Amino acid sequence: KGYGRMAVHQAIDMLKQNPDCKMIVIAHHPDNTRAHRLYTRLGFVIIGKNYEEDTLLALNIRNGD
């Protein structure tokens, strides 16, 4: 139904309002392929893993000024 996509879009839009926000970093369990597909379709890229071995993804909001 797209509720997850709408929620993530709203969160991104809210964070973009903060001029100090340069990047959004999010994590998901490696087995959660639906979350991974959602985040990558929204422009997030893999940047590594966290201390629990969850996949870390980042979305650049604005270039470093």
PDB file of N, CA and C in Angstrom:
ATOM      1  N   LYS A   1       0.817  -1.201   0.000  1.00  0.00           N
ATOM      2  CA  LYS A   1       0.000   0.000   0.000  1.00  0.00           C
ATOM      3  C   LYS A   1       0.856   1.258   0.000  1.00  0.00           C
ATOM      4  N   GLY A   2       2.151   1.118   0.224  1.00  0.00           N
ATOM      5  CA  GLY A   2       3.033   2.266   0.136  1.00  0.00           C
ATOM      6  C   GLY A   2       3.161   3.089   1.400  1.00  0.00           C
ATOM      7  N   TYR A   3       2.675   2.565   2.528  1.00  0.00           N
ATOM      8  CA  TYR A   3       2.750   3.343   3.775  1.00  0.00           C
ATOM      9  C   TYR A   3       4.189   3.570   4.215  1.00  0.00           C
ATOM     10  N   GLY A   4       5.021   2.558   4.071  1.00  0.00           N
ATOM     11  CA  GLY A   4       6.430   2.701   4.450  1.00  0.00           C
ATOM     12  C   GLY A   4       7.121   3.755   3.616  1.00  0.00           C
ATOM     13  N   ARG A   5       6.893   3.710   2.320  1.00  0.00           N
ATOM     14  CA  ARG A   5       7.495   4.697   1.416  1.00  0.00           C
ATOM     15  C   ARG A   5       7.033   6.106   1.778  1.00  0.00           C
ATOM     16  N   MET A   6       5.741   6.266   2.041  1.00  0.00           N
ATOM     17  CA  MET A   6       5.222   7.592   2.416  1.00  0.00           C
ATOM     18  C   MET A   6       5.843   8.071   3.722  1.00  0.00           C
ATOM     19  N   ALA A   7       5.988   7.173   4.688  1.00  0.00           N
ATOM     20  CA  ALA A   7       6.567   7.557   5.980  1.00  0.00           C
ATOM     21  C   ALA A   7       8.020   7.979   5.822  1.00  0.00           C
ATOM     22  N   VAL A   8       8.786   7.236   5.030  1.00  0.00           N
ATOM     23  CA  VAL A   8      10.196   7.590   4.822  1.00  0.00           C
ATOM     24  C   VAL A   8      10.298   8.909   4.070  1.00  0.00           C
ATOM     25  N   HIS A   9       9.452   9.121   3.059  1.00  0.00           N
ATOM     26  CA  HIS A   9       9.438  10.395   2.330  1.00  0.00           C
ATOM     27  C   HIS A   9       9.157  11.561   3.291  1.00  0.00           C
ATOM     28  N   GLN A  10       8.182  11.393   4.172  1.00  0.00           N
ATOM     29  CA  GLN A  10       7.864  12.458   5.127  1.00  0.00           C
ATOM     30  C   GLN A  10       9.041  12.725   6.057  1.00  0.00           C
ATOM     31  N   ALA A  11       9.701  11.676   6.522  1.00  0.00           N
ATOM     32  CA  ALA A  11      10.858  11.857   7.402  1.00  0.00           C
ATOM     33  C   ALA A  11      11.976  12.589   6.671  1.00  0.00           C
ATOM     34  N   ILE A  12      12.241  12.211   5.430  1.00  0.00           N
ATOM     35  CA  ILE A  12      13.279  12.893   4.637  1.00  0.00           C
ATOM     36  C   ILE A  12      12.918  14.356   4.455  1.00  0.00           C
ATOM     37  N   ASP A  13      11.675  14.635   4.096  1.00  0.00           N
ATOM     38  CA  ASP A  13      11.235  16.022   3.903  1.00  0.00           C
ATOM     39  C   ASP A  13      11.390  16.836   5.183  1.00  0.00           C
ATOM     40  N   MET A  14      11.043  16.246   6.319  1.00  0.00           N
ATOM     41  CA  MET A  14      11.194  16.950   7.601  1.00  0.00           C
ATOM     42  C   MET A  14      12.661  17.232   7.900  1.00  0.00           C
ATOM     43  N   LEU A  15      13.521  16.257   7.670  1.00  0.00           N
ATOM     44  CA  LEU A  15      14.945  16.439   7.950  1.00  0.00           C
ATOM     45  C   LEU A  15      15.579  17.457   6.999  1.00  0.00           C
ATOM     46  N   LYS A  16      15.088  17.548   5.777  1.00  0.00           N
ATOM     47  CA  LYS A  16      15.604  18.531   4.817  1.00  0.00           C
ATOM     48  C   LYS A  16      15.337  19.960   5.279  1.00  0.00           C
ATOM     49  N   GLN A  17      14.335  20.157   6.127  1.00  0.00           N
ATOM     50  CA  GLN A  17      14.015  21.488   6.639  1.00  0.00           C
ATOM     51  C   GLN A  17      15.087  22.012   7.601  1.00  0.00           C
ATOM     52  N   ASN A  18      15.863  21.111   8.163  1.00  0.00           N
ATOM     53  CA  ASN A  18      16.925  21.484   9.103  1.00  0.00           C
ATOM     54  C   ASN A  18      18.194  21.785   8.318  1.00  0.00           C
ATOM     55  N   PRO A  19      18.645  23.047   8.308  1.00  0.00           N
ATOM     56  CA  PRO A  19      19.826  23.400   7.520  1.00  0.00           C
ATOM     57  C   PRO A  19      21.107  22.705   8.001  1.00  0.00           C
ATOM     58  N   ASP A  20      21.113  22.196   9.221  1.00  0.00           N
ATOM     59  CA  ASP A  20      22.289  21.499   9.736  1.00  0.00           C
ATOM     60  C   ASP A  20      22.348  20.046   9.297  1.00  0.00           C
ATOM     61  N   CYS A  21      21.264  19.526   8.749  1.00  0.00           N
ATOM     62  CA  CYS A  21      21.215  18.125   8.324  1.00  0.00           C
ATOM     63  C   CYS A  21      21.882  17.992   6.965  1.00  0.00           C
ATOM     64  N   LYS A  22      22.968  17.270   6.927  1.00  0.00           N
ATOM     65  CA  LYS A  22      23.697  17.071   5.679  1.00  0.00           C
ATOM     66  C   LYS A  22      23.541  15.655   5.140  1.00  0.00           C
ATOM     67  N   MET A  23      23.245  14.712   6.051  1.00  0.00           N
ATOM     68  CA  MET A  23      23.155  13.314   5.654  1.00  0.00           C
ATOM     69  C   MET A  23      22.194  12.585   6.589  1.00  0.00           C
ATOM     70  N   ILE A  24      21.452  11.640   6.035  1.00  0.00           N
ATOM     71  CA  ILE A  24      20.592  10.774   6.830  1.00  0.00           C
ATOM     72  C   ILE A  24      21.210   9.388   6.782  1.00  0.00           C
ATOM     73  N   VAL A  25      21.397   8.784   7.943  1.00  0.00           N
ATOM     74  CA  VAL A  25      21.935   7.426   8.024  1.00  0.00           C
ATOM     75  C   VAL A  25      20.882   6.544   8.664  1.00  0.00           C
ATOM     76  N   ILE A  26      20.665   5.380   8.059  1.00  0.00           N
ATOM     77  CA  ILE A  26      19.643   4.458   8.529  1.00  0.00           C
ATOM     78  C   ILE A  26      20.222   3.049   8.504  1.00  0.00           C
ATOM     79  N   ALA A  27      19.673   2.190   9.358  1.00  0.00           N
ATOM     80  CA  ALA A  27      20.141   0.800   9.404  1.00  0.00           C
ATOM     81  C   ALA A  27      18.956  -0.141   9.252  1.00  0.00           C
ATOM     82  N   HIS A  28      19.236  -1.315   8.712  1.00  0.00           N
ATOM     83  CA  HIS A  28      18.216  -2.354   8.659  1.00  0.00           C
ATOM     84  C   HIS A  28      18.895  -3.711   8.798  1.00  0.00           C
ATOM     85  N   HIS A  29      18.135  -4.678   9.258  1.00  0.00           N
ATOM     86  CA  HIS A  29      18.644  -6.038   9.398  1.00  0.00           C
ATOM     87  C   HIS A  29      19.011  -6.563   8.008  1.00  0.00           C
ATOM     88  N   PRO A  30      20.131  -7.250   7.887  1.00  0.00           N
ATOM     89  CA  PRO A  30      20.570  -7.713   6.563  1.00  0.00           C
ATOM     90  C   PRO A  30      19.550  -8.602   5.840  1.00  0.00           C
ATOM     91  N   ASP A  31      18.704  -9.302   6.571  1.00  0.00           N
ATOM     92  CA  ASP A  31      17.707 -10.176   5.945  1.00  0.00           C
ATOM     93  C   ASP A  31      16.457  -9.435   5.481  1.00  0.00           C
ATOM     94  N   ASN A  32      16.339  -8.158   5.819  1.00  0.00           N
ATOM     95  CA  ASN A  32      15.147  -7.391   5.469  1.00  0.00           C
ATOM     96  C   ASN A  32      15.300  -6.823   4.054  1.00  0.00           C
ATOM     97  N   THR A  33      15.033  -7.649   3.077  1.00  0.00           N
ATOM     98  CA  THR A  33      15.225  -7.236   1.685  1.00  0.00           C
ATOM     99  C   THR A  33      14.223  -6.170   1.246  1.00  0.00           C
ATOM    100  N   ARG A  34      13.042  -6.181   1.833  1.00  0.00           N
ATOM    101  CA  ARG A  34      12.046  -5.152   1.467  1.00  0.00           C
ATOM    102  C   ARG A  34      12.517  -3.765   1.900  1.00  0.00           C
ATOM    103  N   ALA A  35      13.058  -3.667   3.116  1.00  0.00           N
ATOM    104  CA  ALA A  35      13.579  -2.381   3.589  1.00  0.00           C
ATOM    105  C   ALA A  35      14.751  -1.944   2.725  1.00  0.00           C
ATOM    106  N   HIS A  36      15.627  -2.881   2.415  1.00  0.00           N
ATOM    107  CA  HIS A  36      16.796  -2.553   1.594  1.00  0.00           C
ATOM    108  C   HIS A  36      16.362  -2.016   0.228  1.00  0.00           C
ATOM    109  N   ARG A  37      15.410  -2.680  -0.381  1.00  0.00           N
ATOM    110  CA  ARG A  37      14.908  -2.247  -1.689  1.00  0.00           C
ATOM    111  C   ARG A  37      14.272  -0.860  -1.598  1.00  0.00           C
ATOM    112  N   LEU A  38      13.494  -0.605  -0.547  1.00  0.00           N
ATOM    113  CA  LEU A  38      12.866   0.702  -0.358  1.00  0.00           C
ATOM    114  C   LEU A  38      13.917   1.796  -0.237  1.00  0.00           C
ATOM    115  N   TYR A  39      14.885   1.592   0.654  1.00  0.00           N
ATOM    116  CA  TYR A  39      15.892   2.632   0.897  1.00  0.00           C
ATOM    117  C   TYR A  39      16.748   2.896  -0.340  1.00  0.00           C
ATOM    118  N   THR A  40      17.156   1.842  -1.031  1.00  0.00           N
ATOM    119  CA  THR A  40      18.000   2.074  -2.205  1.00  0.00           C
ATOM    120  C   THR A  40      17.211   2.757  -3.323  1.00  0.00           C
ATOM    121  N   ARG A  41      15.937   2.452  -3.452  1.00  0.00           N
ATOM    122  CA  ARG A  41      15.114   3.134  -4.462  1.00  0.00           C
ATOM    123  C   ARG A  41      14.938   4.610  -4.142  1.00  0.00           C
ATOM    124  N   LEU A  42      15.050   4.957  -2.869  1.00  0.00           N
ATOM    125  CA  LEU A  42      14.933   6.364  -2.461  1.00  0.00           C
ATOM    126  C   LEU A  42      16.274   7.090  -2.518  1.00  0.00           C
ATOM    127  N   GLY A  43      17.334   6.399  -2.919  1.00  0.00           N
ATOM    128  CA  GLY A  43      18.620   7.052  -3.100  1.00  0.00           C
ATOM    129  C   GLY A  43      19.652   6.769  -2.025  1.00  0.00           C
ATOM    130  N   PHE A  44      19.304   5.971  -1.023  1.00  0.00           N
ATOM    131  CA  PHE A  44      20.278   5.612   0.011  1.00  0.00           C
ATOM    132  C   PHE A  44      21.316   4.669  -0.584  1.00  0.00           C
ATOM    133  N   VAL A  45      22.560   4.807  -0.120  1.00  0.00           N
ATOM    134  CA  VAL A  45      23.644   3.928  -0.560  1.00  0.00           C
ATOM    135  C   VAL A  45      24.270   3.258   0.663  1.00  0.00           C
ATOM    136  N   ILE A  46      24.742   2.044   0.479  1.00  0.00           N
ATOM    137  CA  ILE A  46      25.360   1.290   1.573  1.00  0.00           C
ATOM    138  C   ILE A  46      26.686   1.936   1.943  1.00  0.00           C
ATOM    139  N   ILE A  47      26.875   2.146   3.247  1.00  0.00           N
ATOM    140  CA  ILE A  47      28.141   2.706   3.726  1.00  0.00           C
ATOM    141  C   ILE A  47      28.860   1.769   4.689  1.00  0.00           C
ATOM    142  N   GLY A  48      28.255   0.633   5.008  1.00  0.00           N
ATOM    143  CA  GLY A  48      28.918  -0.320   5.888  1.00  0.00           C
ATOM    144  C   GLY A  48      27.932  -1.055   6.766  1.00  0.00           C
ATOM    145  N   LYS A  49      28.425  -1.446   7.939  1.00  0.00           N
ATOM    146  CA  LYS A  49      27.599  -2.170   8.912  1.00  0.00           C
ATOM    147  C   LYS A  49      27.791  -1.531  10.280  1.00  0.00           C
ATOM    148  N   ASN A  50      26.772  -1.656  11.135  1.00  0.00           N
ATOM    149  CA  ASN A  50      26.902  -1.134  12.486  1.00  0.00           C
ATOM    150  C   ASN A  50      27.436  -2.223  13.407  1.00  0.00           C
ATOM    151  N   TYR A  51      27.471  -1.954  14.702  1.00  0.00           N
ATOM    152  CA  TYR A  51      28.046  -2.888  15.670  1.00  0.00           C
ATOM    153  C   TYR A  51      27.250  -4.180  15.794  1.00  0.00           C
ATOM    154  N   GLU A  52      25.997  -4.202  15.332  1.00  0.00           N
ATOM    155  CA  GLU A  52      25.178  -5.412  15.360  1.00  0.00           C
ATOM    156  C   GLU A  52      25.149  -6.104  13.994  1.00  0.00           C
ATOM    157  N   GLU A  53      26.026  -5.645  13.084  1.00  0.00           N
ATOM    158  CA  GLU A  53      26.115  -6.194  11.725  1.00  0.00           C
ATOM    159  C   GLU A  53      24.898  -5.873  10.863  1.00  0.00           C
ATOM    160  N   ASP A  54      24.112  -4.854  11.281  1.00  0.00           N
ATOM    161  CA  ASP A  54      23.020  -4.379  10.436  1.00  0.00           C
ATOM    162  C   ASP A  54      23.608  -3.540   9.308  1.00  0.00           C
ATOM    163  N   THR A  55      22.959  -3.559   8.158  1.00  0.00           N
ATOM    164  CA  THR A  55      23.400  -2.773   7.017  1.00  0.00           C
ATOM    165  C   THR A  55      23.148  -1.291   7.287  1.00  0.00           C
ATOM    166  N   LEU A  56      24.172  -0.465   7.069  1.00  0.00           N
ATOM    167  CA  LEU A  56      24.050   0.990   7.208  1.00  0.00           C
ATOM    168  C   LEU A  56      23.958   1.612   5.819  1.00  0.00           C
ATOM    169  N   LEU A  57      23.004   2.512   5.665  1.00  0.00           N
ATOM    170  CA  LEU A  57      22.829   3.225   4.408  1.00  0.00           C
ATOM    171  C   LEU A  57      22.777   4.717   4.694  1.00  0.00           C
ATOM    172  N   ALA A  58      23.192   5.506   3.725  1.00  0.00           N
ATOM    173  CA  ALA A  58      23.195   6.966   3.900  1.00  0.00           C
ATOM    174  C   ALA A  58      22.581   7.641   2.687  1.00  0.00           C
ATOM    175  N   LEU A  59      21.973   8.785   2.945  1.00  0.00           N
ATOM    176  CA  LEU A  59      21.417   9.635   1.898  1.00  0.00           C
ATOM    177  C   LEU A  59      21.966  11.034   2.120  1.00  0.00           C
ATOM    178  N   ASN A  60      22.719  11.544   1.145  1.00  0.00           N
ATOM    179  CA  ASN A  60      23.230  12.905   1.243  1.00  0.00           C
ATOM    180  C   ASN A  60      22.094  13.884   0.979  1.00  0.00           C
ATOM    181  N   ILE A  61      21.929  14.819   1.907  1.00  0.00           N
ATOM    182  CA  ILE A  61      20.877  15.827   1.785  1.00  0.00           C
ATOM    183  C   ILE A  61      21.407  17.067   1.082  1.00  0.00           C
ATOM    184  N   ARG A  62      22.594  17.470   1.462  1.00  0.00           N
ATOM    185  CA  ARG A  62      23.240  18.613   0.812  1.00  0.00           C
ATOM    186  C   ARG A  62      24.741  18.432   0.908  1.00  0.00           C
ATOM    187  N   ASN A  63      25.425  19.043  -0.019  1.00  0.00           N
ATOM    188  CA  ASN A  63      26.893  18.972  -0.022  1.00  0.00           C
ATOM    189  C   ASN A  63      27.445  19.723   1.171  1.00  0.00           C
ATOM    190  N   GLY A  64      28.628  19.314   1.599  1.00  0.00           N
ATOM    191  CA  GLY A  64      29.288  20.042   2.686  1.00  0.00           C
ATOM    192  C   GLY A  64      29.562  21.473   2.266  1.00  0.00           C
ATOM    193  N   ASP A  65      29.024  22.405   3.030  1.00  0.00           N
ATOM    194  CA  ASP A  65      29.164  23.846   2.680  1.00  0.00           C
ATOM    195  C   ASP A  65      30.452  24.411   3.208  1.00  0.00           C
TER     196      ASP A  65
END
